[in-house]
Amino acid sequence: MDKLSEKIIDFIKGILPDLFVVAVILVAGYFLTKALAKIIKKILDRSKMDYSLEKFIINTVKIVCYILIVLTALSQLGISTTGLVAFFSASAAAIVLALKDSFSNIACGIILLFSRPFVTGDEIEMGEDRCTVLQVDLMHTKVLTYDNRCIMIPNSVISSKEVVNFTAEPYRRVDIKVPVSYNADVETVKKVIKDAVSKNEKVLNTPEPPFVRIDNFGESSLDFIVKVWAKTEDYWDVYYDMYEDIKKALDSNNISIPYNQLDVHMVEKR
């Protein structure tokens, strides 16, 4: 056996213990990270945290743990991590400059996750679009429109828009307008409408009882405004029930709802 082979064998024998330790560090670190992630998930589940924020926190913990494990393994092999840290720092700076738009989305995503203007399952409106939030990630927010279209919206776009959250509060007020004939008695109309909406079990008396008043003198009708409160999840049921119940109540009390009419006069030429 020549001297080169002997040196290689001696080198392998010398590094084997370190390789074994490195393997133990990597394997043990991997399983410990998974166990830690499960523990954190259980804690976050008990706190009823939003799914998207919970996922972000768990993934962040995993990434930090994996970086520490790799650096520990490299140190065990005698490799200086100072130079690696400096190298990755410089690389990260270059990557940030090259992907500044993407990192803008990430920064906005972190802000959305922690400021929580909306959470998974909320019904929101951006511009003319109304949709349900499915998931908030670092780069995009995934939403589902009423016509079942799944849209991925960059977080930077959401941060620059006005967002209306319809489900942030437990209660919502339902407002509708009811036109009636000028010949109708005001007090009778108010009583008929109030009795009709009050019979609905989903209409609440708190924060305020049903409200009915004249809102406008229209060209051909008295316009009444009807305001009731309902649970957020019952909003649309109450909204459509009100129209149906009020129409039936007005018909039962012979209160007419005016509508535009067109009179056509035929002139016979001689």
Foldseek 3Di string as FASTA:
>chain_A
DDPVVVVVVVVCVVCVVLVVVLVCLQVVLVVVLVVVLVVLLVVVVVVVAFPQLNVVVSVVSSVVSNVVSVVVSCVSSVHDCVVVVVVVVVVVVVVCVVPVVQVLLLVLLVVCRVVVPDGAQWWKDWDHFIWGFHHRHSAWTWTAGPVGDIDTHGSNVVVVTDMGTLQPDFKDKAKDKAWFAPPDDQVVLQVLLLVLLVVDPQWDPPPHRWDWDFDDDDPGTGIIMIMTMGTSVCRVVSNVSSVVSSVVSCVVVVIGHDDDDDDDDDDDDD
